């Protein structure tokens, strides 16, 4: 399953549940913030990430692991005039 999978009945038990932007998601244990963003097909250079109420420095995305129950907020920057 990809990182963007929502919780479904009969879901695999070897995955963990996180909350991303208010929605529960199933991910593989040991997944980093960077891997989650990539699986969502998002550009990390165009967003801010908050994990459990703390804004993350972009340089830590590769080393920050998501754990069961993590609360993630992904904020995308939108340009325009």
Foldseek 3Di string as FASTA:
>chain_A
DFFAAADDPPDDPQWAWEAEPRGITTDHFFDFQVRSCVSVVHDLVFWWKDKPNRTDDSVCRVPHGDDHHIYMYIGGHDDDD
